[in-house]
Amino acid sequence: SFLTDGLYVPPTHASLSSSTATILHVSRLLPSIDAARPLRFVLVDTPDQFKPDYWNRVVAVFTTGQTWQFKGYRWQQPAELFAHALGIYVGWRGEEVPAAVRGWGRGVVTAQLDKFRDGADTAVARWRDREVVEGIWTAIEEGMRSRGWSKDGR
C-alpha cells in the first residue's frame, strides 16, 4: 500500500488485484505519541459502517477535493470536519491544488506526487513517493499530538 511501502500505484493498474479491500490495517511507529510500540491504524474506504464512537478516533481524512465526498460523515462541512481530523489532499506535482481545498484552510495538508508512467521501472521512477509518504505520516503524527493523543490514549 502507498502508506506502508511508500510507492504509489494507480488503483486501476494491472499489477493490483481486481478486488480492492475496503478496510486496511496499517501499523506505524509514531515516536512522539508512543516510542515503544507501533500504533494500529484502520483505513476505510467509506464510513458507512461507523458506529458513533468511531468518529472520536478518526485522525485523518483523505480528500479528493469534492464536498460530496463528506455526505454521511458526522461532520459534513469541511471546516468542521478538518477541525476534528487532519485533511489530506494528494494531487499531482506541478498541478494547482483546487481552490475548494485551498479554501478549507490549515486543517488540510497537500501532498504532490509525480504522475505515474506505466512501463517505467516503478521503483526507480517512484523514488519521491517515500518522501511524500513520510510527510503525510509526520502531518498525521503532529495532528494527533495537537488533538491530545498520547501514549495513554486520547
N, C-alpha and C. Protein backbone atom coordinates (compact mmCIF):
# COMPACT_ATOMS: atom_id res chain seq x y z
N SER A 1 0.83 -1.18 0.00
CA SER A 1 0.00 0.00 0.00
C SER A 1 0.88 1.24 0.00
N PHE A 2 0.35 2.31 -0.47
CA PHE A 2 1.06 3.58 -0.57
C PHE A 2 1.58 4.02 0.80
N LEU A 3 0.76 3.92 1.83
CA LEU A 3 1.14 4.40 3.15
C LEU A 3 2.13 3.50 3.88
N THR A 4 2.26 2.25 3.47
CA THR A 4 3.23 1.36 4.12
C THR A 4 4.50 1.22 3.31
N ASP A 5 4.37 1.09 2.00
CA ASP A 5 5.54 0.84 1.15
C ASP A 5 6.14 2.11 0.56
N GLY A 6 5.40 3.21 0.60
CA GLY A 6 5.91 4.45 0.03
C GLY A 6 6.05 4.40 -1.47
N LEU A 7 5.14 3.71 -2.11
CA LEU A 7 5.20 3.55 -3.57
C LEU A 7 3.78 3.66 -4.12
N TYR A 8 3.53 4.71 -4.91
CA TYR A 8 2.20 4.92 -5.46
C TYR A 8 2.01 4.08 -6.72
N VAL A 9 0.89 3.37 -6.75
CA VAL A 9 0.45 2.63 -7.94
C VAL A 9 -1.02 2.98 -8.12
N PRO A 10 -1.43 3.41 -9.32
CA PRO A 10 -2.85 3.76 -9.52
C PRO A 10 -3.77 2.58 -9.19
N PRO A 11 -4.94 2.86 -8.64
CA PRO A 11 -5.85 1.77 -8.26
C PRO A 11 -6.30 0.92 -9.43
N THR A 12 -6.18 1.42 -10.65
CA THR A 12 -6.61 0.66 -11.83
C THR A 12 -5.45 -0.10 -12.48
N HIS A 13 -4.27 -0.05 -11.90
CA HIS A 13 -3.10 -0.68 -12.50
C HIS A 13 -3.24 -2.20 -12.54
N ALA A 14 -2.74 -2.81 -13.60
CA ALA A 14 -2.86 -4.26 -13.80
C ALA A 14 -2.17 -5.07 -12.71
N SER A 15 -1.18 -4.49 -12.05
CA SER A 15 -0.46 -5.23 -11.01
C SER A 15 -1.27 -5.39 -9.72
N LEU A 16 -2.36 -4.67 -9.61
CA LEU A 16 -3.19 -4.75 -8.41
C LEU A 16 -4.33 -5.73 -8.61
N SER A 17 -4.78 -6.29 -7.51
CA SER A 17 -5.91 -7.21 -7.54
C SER A 17 -7.16 -6.47 -8.00
N SER A 18 -8.01 -7.16 -8.72
CA SER A 18 -9.25 -6.53 -9.19
C SER A 18 -10.23 -6.31 -8.04
N SER A 19 -10.09 -7.09 -6.97
CA SER A 19 -10.96 -6.88 -5.81
C SER A 19 -10.18 -6.05 -4.79
N THR A 20 -10.63 -4.84 -4.59
CA THR A 20 -9.93 -3.96 -3.66
C THR A 20 -10.58 -4.05 -2.29
N ALA A 21 -9.74 -4.07 -1.28
CA ALA A 21 -10.23 -4.13 0.09
C ALA A 21 -10.82 -2.79 0.48
N THR A 22 -11.89 -2.82 1.26
CA THR A 22 -12.48 -1.58 1.74
C THR A 22 -11.96 -1.22 3.12
N ILE A 23 -11.24 -2.16 3.75
CA ILE A 23 -10.62 -1.92 5.06
C ILE A 23 -9.19 -2.44 5.01
N LEU A 24 -8.26 -1.59 5.42
CA LEU A 24 -6.85 -1.98 5.52
C LEU A 24 -6.37 -1.66 6.93
N HIS A 25 -5.42 -2.46 7.40
CA HIS A 25 -4.80 -2.20 8.70
C HIS A 25 -3.33 -1.87 8.47
N VAL A 26 -2.88 -0.78 9.08
CA VAL A 26 -1.50 -0.33 8.94
C VAL A 26 -0.97 -0.06 10.34
N SER A 27 0.22 -0.58 10.63
CA SER A 27 0.88 -0.29 11.90
C SER A 27 2.03 0.65 11.62
N ARG A 28 2.19 1.64 12.49
CA ARG A 28 3.22 2.65 12.27
C ARG A 28 3.70 3.18 13.62
N LEU A 29 5.01 3.28 13.77
CA LEU A 29 5.59 3.86 14.98
C LEU A 29 5.53 5.38 14.86
N LEU A 30 4.89 6.02 15.82
CA LEU A 30 4.85 7.47 15.89
C LEU A 30 5.54 7.86 17.20
N PRO A 31 6.84 8.14 17.13
CA PRO A 31 7.66 8.30 18.34
C PRO A 31 7.16 9.33 19.34
N SER A 32 6.58 10.43 18.89
CA SER A 32 6.15 11.45 19.84
C SER A 32 4.87 11.06 20.57
N ILE A 33 4.22 10.00 20.11
CA ILE A 33 3.00 9.53 20.77
C ILE A 33 3.30 8.29 21.60
N ASP A 34 4.01 7.32 21.02
CA ASP A 34 4.45 6.14 21.76
C ASP A 34 5.67 5.57 21.06
N ALA A 35 6.84 5.83 21.63
CA ALA A 35 8.10 5.40 21.01
C ALA A 35 8.35 3.91 21.20
N ALA A 36 7.59 3.26 22.08
CA ALA A 36 7.84 1.86 22.40
C ALA A 36 7.11 0.87 21.50
N ARG A 37 5.98 1.28 20.95
CA ARG A 37 5.24 0.31 20.14
C ARG A 37 4.49 1.02 19.01
N PRO A 38 4.32 0.31 17.89
CA PRO A 38 3.59 0.91 16.77
C PRO A 38 2.10 1.06 17.08
N LEU A 39 1.51 2.07 16.50
CA LEU A 39 0.07 2.27 16.61
C LEU A 39 -0.59 1.59 15.43
N ARG A 40 -1.78 1.09 15.65
CA ARG A 40 -2.52 0.40 14.58
C ARG A 40 -3.57 1.36 14.03
N PHE A 41 -3.53 1.55 12.73
CA PHE A 41 -4.49 2.42 12.06
C PHE A 41 -5.40 1.56 11.20
N VAL A 42 -6.66 1.91 11.17
CA VAL A 42 -7.64 1.23 10.33
C VAL A 42 -8.02 2.22 9.23
N LEU A 43 -7.74 1.85 7.99
CA LEU A 43 -8.07 2.70 6.85
C LEU A 43 -9.33 2.16 6.21
N VAL A 44 -10.33 3.02 6.07
CA VAL A 44 -11.60 2.59 5.48
C VAL A 44 -11.88 3.42 4.23
N ASP A 45 -12.55 2.80 3.30
CA ASP A 45 -12.93 3.46 2.05
C ASP A 45 -14.11 4.40 2.27
N THR A 46 -14.97 4.01 3.20
CA THR A 46 -16.18 4.78 3.47
C THR A 46 -16.57 4.58 4.94
N PRO A 47 -17.14 5.59 5.58
CA PRO A 47 -17.55 5.43 6.98
C PRO A 47 -18.96 4.85 7.15
N ASP A 48 -19.48 4.22 6.12
CA ASP A 48 -20.86 3.71 6.17
C ASP A 48 -21.11 2.79 7.37
N GLN A 49 -20.12 2.01 7.76
CA GLN A 49 -20.30 1.05 8.85
C GLN A 49 -19.86 1.61 10.21
N PHE A 50 -19.54 2.90 10.27
CA PHE A 50 -19.07 3.51 11.51
C PHE A 50 -20.14 3.50 12.59
N LYS A 51 -19.72 3.18 13.80
CA LYS A 51 -20.55 3.39 14.98
C LYS A 51 -20.25 4.81 15.43
N PRO A 52 -21.16 5.45 16.15
CA PRO A 52 -20.94 6.85 16.55
C PRO A 52 -19.61 7.11 17.25
N ASP A 53 -19.17 6.18 18.12
CA ASP A 53 -17.93 6.43 18.85
C ASP A 53 -16.68 6.31 17.97
N TYR A 54 -16.80 5.71 16.79
CA TYR A 54 -15.64 5.61 15.89
C TYR A 54 -15.15 6.99 15.47
N TRP A 55 -16.07 7.93 15.35
CA TRP A 55 -15.69 9.27 14.88
C TRP A 55 -14.70 9.94 15.82
N ASN A 56 -14.72 9.58 17.09
CA ASN A 56 -13.77 10.16 18.04
C ASN A 56 -12.35 9.67 17.82
N ARG A 57 -12.20 8.61 17.01
CA ARG A 57 -10.87 8.05 16.76
C ARG A 57 -10.36 8.35 15.35
N VAL A 58 -11.12 9.08 14.57
CA VAL A 58 -10.67 9.45 13.23
C VAL A 58 -9.54 10.46 13.37
N VAL A 59 -8.39 10.16 12.76
CA VAL A 59 -7.25 11.08 12.86
C VAL A 59 -6.97 11.80 11.55
N ALA A 60 -7.42 11.24 10.44
CA ALA A 60 -7.17 11.88 9.14
C ALA A 60 -8.22 11.43 8.13
N VAL A 61 -8.48 12.32 7.17
CA VAL A 61 -9.40 12.03 6.08
C VAL A 61 -8.70 12.42 4.78
N PHE A 62 -8.55 11.45 3.89
CA PHE A 62 -8.01 11.76 2.57
C PHE A 62 -9.16 12.31 1.73
N THR A 63 -8.91 13.41 1.06
CA THR A 63 -9.97 14.06 0.29
C THR A 63 -9.59 14.19 -1.18
N THR A 64 -10.60 14.07 -2.01
CA THR A 64 -10.43 14.28 -3.45
C THR A 64 -10.65 15.74 -3.82
N GLY A 65 -11.17 16.50 -2.86
CA GLY A 65 -11.43 17.92 -3.10
C GLY A 65 -12.89 18.24 -3.37
N GLN A 66 -13.75 17.22 -3.43
CA GLN A 66 -15.18 17.45 -3.65
C GLN A 66 -15.93 17.30 -2.33
N THR A 67 -16.82 18.24 -2.04
CA THR A 67 -17.54 18.18 -0.77
C THR A 67 -18.57 17.05 -0.71
N TRP A 68 -19.03 16.55 -1.87
CA TRP A 68 -19.98 15.43 -1.85
C TRP A 68 -19.36 14.22 -1.16
N GLN A 69 -18.04 14.16 -1.13
CA GLN A 69 -17.34 13.05 -0.51
C GLN A 69 -17.71 12.92 0.97
N PHE A 70 -18.10 14.02 1.61
CA PHE A 70 -18.35 14.02 3.05
C PHE A 70 -19.80 13.72 3.41
N LYS A 71 -20.63 13.41 2.42
CA LYS A 71 -22.02 13.04 2.70
C LYS A 71 -22.00 11.76 3.55
N GLY A 72 -22.73 11.77 4.61
CA GLY A 72 -22.75 10.62 5.50
C GLY A 72 -21.72 10.69 6.61
N TYR A 73 -20.86 11.69 6.58
CA TYR A 73 -19.87 11.87 7.64
C TYR A 73 -20.55 12.53 8.83
N ARG A 74 -19.98 12.35 10.00
CA ARG A 74 -20.52 13.01 11.20
C ARG A 74 -20.45 14.52 11.03
N TRP A 75 -19.34 15.01 10.48
CA TRP A 75 -19.18 16.43 10.21
C TRP A 75 -19.13 16.58 8.69
N GLN A 76 -20.17 17.12 8.10
CA GLN A 76 -20.28 17.16 6.64
C GLN A 76 -19.69 18.41 6.02
N GLN A 77 -19.48 19.44 6.82
CA GLN A 77 -18.88 20.67 6.30
C GLN A 77 -17.37 20.59 6.48
N PRO A 78 -16.59 20.86 5.43
CA PRO A 78 -15.14 20.72 5.51
C PRO A 78 -14.51 21.45 6.69
N ALA A 79 -14.92 22.68 6.97
CA ALA A 79 -14.31 23.43 8.08
C ALA A 79 -14.49 22.69 9.40
N GLU A 80 -15.67 22.14 9.61
CA GLU A 80 -15.93 21.42 10.86
C GLU A 80 -15.20 20.07 10.87
N LEU A 81 -15.23 19.35 9.75
CA LEU A 81 -14.55 18.06 9.65
C LEU A 81 -13.06 18.21 9.94
N PHE A 82 -12.44 19.21 9.30
CA PHE A 82 -10.99 19.35 9.44
C PHE A 82 -10.58 20.07 10.72
N ALA A 83 -11.55 20.46 11.52
CA ALA A 83 -11.25 20.91 12.88
C ALA A 83 -11.13 19.70 13.81
N HIS A 84 -11.72 18.56 13.39
CA HIS A 84 -11.69 17.35 14.20
C HIS A 84 -10.66 16.33 13.71
N ALA A 85 -10.31 16.37 12.45
CA ALA A 85 -9.36 15.41 11.88
C ALA A 85 -8.55 16.12 10.80
N LEU A 86 -7.33 15.69 10.64
CA LEU A 86 -6.47 16.24 9.60
C LEU A 86 -7.03 15.89 8.23
N GLY A 87 -7.04 16.84 7.33
CA GLY A 87 -7.42 16.58 5.94
C GLY A 87 -6.16 16.40 5.12
N ILE A 88 -6.18 15.45 4.21
CA ILE A 88 -5.02 15.20 3.35
C ILE A 88 -5.50 15.16 1.90
N TYR A 89 -4.97 16.07 1.10
CA TYR A 89 -5.27 16.10 -0.32
C TYR A 89 -4.01 15.68 -1.06
N VAL A 90 -4.11 14.63 -1.87
CA VAL A 90 -2.97 14.16 -2.66
C VAL A 90 -3.26 14.48 -4.12
N GLY A 91 -2.38 15.26 -4.72
CA GLY A 91 -2.53 15.64 -6.12
C GLY A 91 -1.24 15.39 -6.88
N TRP A 92 -1.21 15.84 -8.12
CA TRP A 92 -0.03 15.66 -8.97
C TRP A 92 0.91 16.84 -8.84
N ARG A 93 2.18 16.55 -8.77
CA ARG A 93 3.21 17.59 -8.72
C ARG A 93 3.08 18.48 -9.95
N GLY A 94 3.10 19.78 -9.72
CA GLY A 94 3.03 20.73 -10.81
C GLY A 94 1.62 21.19 -11.14
N GLU A 95 0.61 20.48 -10.64
CA GLU A 95 -0.77 20.89 -10.88
C GLU A 95 -1.27 21.71 -9.70
N GLU A 96 -2.13 22.65 -9.98
CA GLU A 96 -2.65 23.52 -8.94
C GLU A 96 -3.62 22.77 -8.03
N VAL A 97 -3.50 23.05 -6.75
CA VAL A 97 -4.43 22.49 -5.77
C VAL A 97 -5.78 23.17 -5.99
N PRO A 98 -6.89 22.41 -6.04
CA PRO A 98 -8.20 23.02 -6.27
C PRO A 98 -8.49 24.14 -5.27
N ALA A 99 -9.16 25.16 -5.75
CA ALA A 99 -9.49 26.32 -4.91
C ALA A 99 -10.30 25.90 -3.68
N ALA A 100 -11.19 24.94 -3.86
CA ALA A 100 -12.01 24.48 -2.72
C ALA A 100 -11.10 23.94 -1.61
N VAL A 101 -10.11 23.15 -1.98
CA VAL A 101 -9.20 22.58 -0.98
C VAL A 101 -8.40 23.68 -0.30
N ARG A 102 -7.89 24.62 -1.08
CA ARG A 102 -7.15 25.75 -0.50
C ARG A 102 -8.03 26.54 0.45
N GLY A 103 -9.31 26.65 0.13
CA GLY A 103 -10.24 27.40 0.96
C GLY A 103 -10.59 26.73 2.27
N TRP A 104 -10.26 25.46 2.40
CA TRP A 104 -10.57 24.74 3.64
C TRP A 104 -9.58 25.07 4.75
N GLY A 105 -8.52 25.77 4.44
CA GLY A 105 -7.62 26.29 5.47
C GLY A 105 -6.53 25.34 5.92
N ARG A 106 -6.00 25.67 7.10
CA ARG A 106 -4.83 24.97 7.62
C ARG A 106 -5.12 23.56 8.09
N GLY A 107 -6.37 23.16 8.16
CA GLY A 107 -6.70 21.81 8.59
C GLY A 107 -6.46 20.77 7.51
N VAL A 108 -6.04 21.22 6.32
CA VAL A 108 -5.79 20.31 5.20
C VAL A 108 -4.35 20.48 4.73
N VAL A 109 -3.62 19.38 4.66
CA VAL A 109 -2.28 19.42 4.09
C VAL A 109 -2.35 18.86 2.67
N THR A 110 -1.47 19.35 1.83
CA THR A 110 -1.44 18.84 0.46
C THR A 110 -0.13 18.09 0.24
N ALA A 111 -0.23 17.02 -0.50
CA ALA A 111 0.93 16.23 -0.89
C ALA A 111 0.87 16.08 -2.40
N GLN A 112 2.01 16.23 -3.04
CA GLN A 112 2.02 16.17 -4.50
C GLN A 112 2.94 15.06 -4.99
N LEU A 113 2.37 14.19 -5.81
CA LEU A 113 3.09 13.05 -6.38
C LEU A 113 3.47 13.32 -7.82
N ASP A 114 4.52 12.66 -8.27
CA ASP A 114 4.83 12.66 -9.70
C ASP A 114 3.79 11.80 -10.39
N LYS A 115 3.41 12.19 -11.61
CA LYS A 115 2.43 11.39 -12.35
C LYS A 115 3.00 10.00 -12.63
N PHE A 116 2.11 9.02 -12.64
CA PHE A 116 2.52 7.64 -12.87
C PHE A 116 2.76 7.42 -14.35
N ARG A 117 3.88 6.81 -14.67
CA ARG A 117 4.21 6.48 -16.07
C ARG A 117 4.28 4.96 -16.18
N ASP A 118 3.30 4.39 -16.82
CA ASP A 118 3.28 2.94 -16.99
C ASP A 118 4.44 2.51 -17.87
N GLY A 119 5.02 1.38 -17.55
CA GLY A 119 6.13 0.87 -18.34
C GLY A 119 7.48 1.25 -17.79
N ALA A 120 7.54 2.28 -16.96
CA ALA A 120 8.80 2.68 -16.35
C ALA A 120 9.09 1.74 -15.18
N ASP A 121 10.36 1.60 -14.84
CA ASP A 121 10.74 0.81 -13.67
C ASP A 121 10.16 1.52 -12.45
N THR A 122 9.13 0.95 -11.87
CA THR A 122 8.37 1.62 -10.82
C THR A 122 9.25 2.06 -9.66
N ALA A 123 10.13 1.18 -9.20
CA ALA A 123 10.98 1.52 -8.05
C ALA A 123 11.87 2.71 -8.34
N VAL A 124 12.35 2.82 -9.57
CA VAL A 124 13.22 3.93 -9.94
C VAL A 124 12.40 5.19 -10.19
N ALA A 125 11.31 5.06 -10.94
CA ALA A 125 10.50 6.21 -11.32
C ALA A 125 9.75 6.82 -10.13
N ARG A 126 9.48 6.03 -9.12
CA ARG A 126 8.66 6.49 -7.99
C ARG A 126 9.50 6.84 -6.76
N TRP A 127 10.74 7.20 -6.92
CA TRP A 127 11.64 7.41 -5.78
C TRP A 127 11.20 8.53 -4.86
N ARG A 128 10.43 9.50 -5.34
CA ARG A 128 9.99 10.61 -4.48
C ARG A 128 8.78 10.23 -3.61
N ASP A 129 8.12 9.15 -3.94
CA ASP A 129 6.92 8.76 -3.20
C ASP A 129 7.19 8.56 -1.71
N ARG A 130 8.32 7.95 -1.38
CA ARG A 130 8.65 7.69 0.03
C ARG A 130 8.70 9.00 0.82
N GLU A 131 9.28 10.03 0.23
CA GLU A 131 9.36 11.34 0.88
C GLU A 131 7.95 11.91 1.12
N VAL A 132 7.08 11.76 0.14
CA VAL A 132 5.70 12.24 0.27
C VAL A 132 4.99 11.50 1.40
N VAL A 133 5.15 10.18 1.43
CA VAL A 133 4.50 9.37 2.47
C VAL A 133 5.02 9.75 3.86
N GLU A 134 6.33 9.95 3.99
CA GLU A 134 6.88 10.35 5.29
C GLU A 134 6.30 11.69 5.72
N GLY A 135 6.10 12.60 4.77
CA GLY A 135 5.48 13.89 5.09
C GLY A 135 4.04 13.73 5.55
N ILE A 136 3.32 12.80 4.93
CA ILE A 136 1.93 12.53 5.34
C ILE A 136 1.91 11.99 6.77
N TRP A 137 2.79 11.02 7.07
CA TRP A 137 2.82 10.45 8.42
C TRP A 137 3.25 11.49 9.46
N THR A 138 4.17 12.37 9.10
CA THR A 138 4.57 13.44 10.02
C THR A 138 3.38 14.35 10.32
N ALA A 139 2.62 14.69 9.29
CA ALA A 139 1.44 15.54 9.49
C ALA A 139 0.39 14.83 10.35
N ILE A 140 0.20 13.53 10.13
CA ILE A 140 -0.75 12.76 10.95
C ILE A 140 -0.30 12.76 12.41
N GLU A 141 0.98 12.50 12.63
CA GLU A 141 1.51 12.47 14.00
C GLU A 141 1.34 13.83 14.68
N GLU A 142 1.68 14.90 13.98
CA GLU A 142 1.53 16.24 14.55
C GLU A 142 0.06 16.56 14.83
N GLY A 143 -0.82 16.16 13.91
CA GLY A 143 -2.24 16.38 14.10
C GLY A 143 -2.78 15.62 15.31
N MET A 144 -2.33 14.39 15.47
CA MET A 144 -2.77 13.60 16.62
C MET A 144 -2.28 14.23 17.92
N ARG A 145 -1.02 14.62 17.93
CA ARG A 145 -0.45 15.23 19.14
C ARG A 145 -1.19 16.51 19.51
N SER A 146 -1.50 17.33 18.50
CA SER A 146 -2.19 18.60 18.76
C SER A 146 -3.63 18.38 19.24
N ARG A 147 -4.18 17.21 18.96
CA ARG A 147 -5.55 16.90 19.40
C ARG A 147 -5.57 16.06 20.67
N GLY A 148 -4.42 15.97 21.33
CA GLY A 148 -4.39 15.33 22.64
C GLY A 148 -4.05 13.85 22.67
N TRP A 149 -3.65 13.26 21.56
CA TRP A 149 -3.28 11.85 21.56
C TRP A 149 -1.94 11.70 22.27
N SER A 150 -1.84 10.65 23.07
CA SER A 150 -0.59 10.36 23.77
C SER A 150 -0.50 8.85 23.98
N LYS A 151 0.58 8.44 24.59
CA LYS A 151 0.80 7.02 24.87
C LYS A 151 -0.37 6.42 25.67
N ASP A 152 -0.99 7.24 26.49
CA ASP A 152 -2.08 6.77 27.34
C ASP A 152 -3.45 6.88 26.68
N GLY A 153 -3.47 7.21 25.41
CA GLY A 153 -4.74 7.35 24.70
C GLY A 153 -5.05 8.80 24.44
N ARG A 154 -6.30 9.07 24.21
CA ARG A 154 -6.70 10.44 23.90
C ARG A 154 -7.39 11.06 25.06
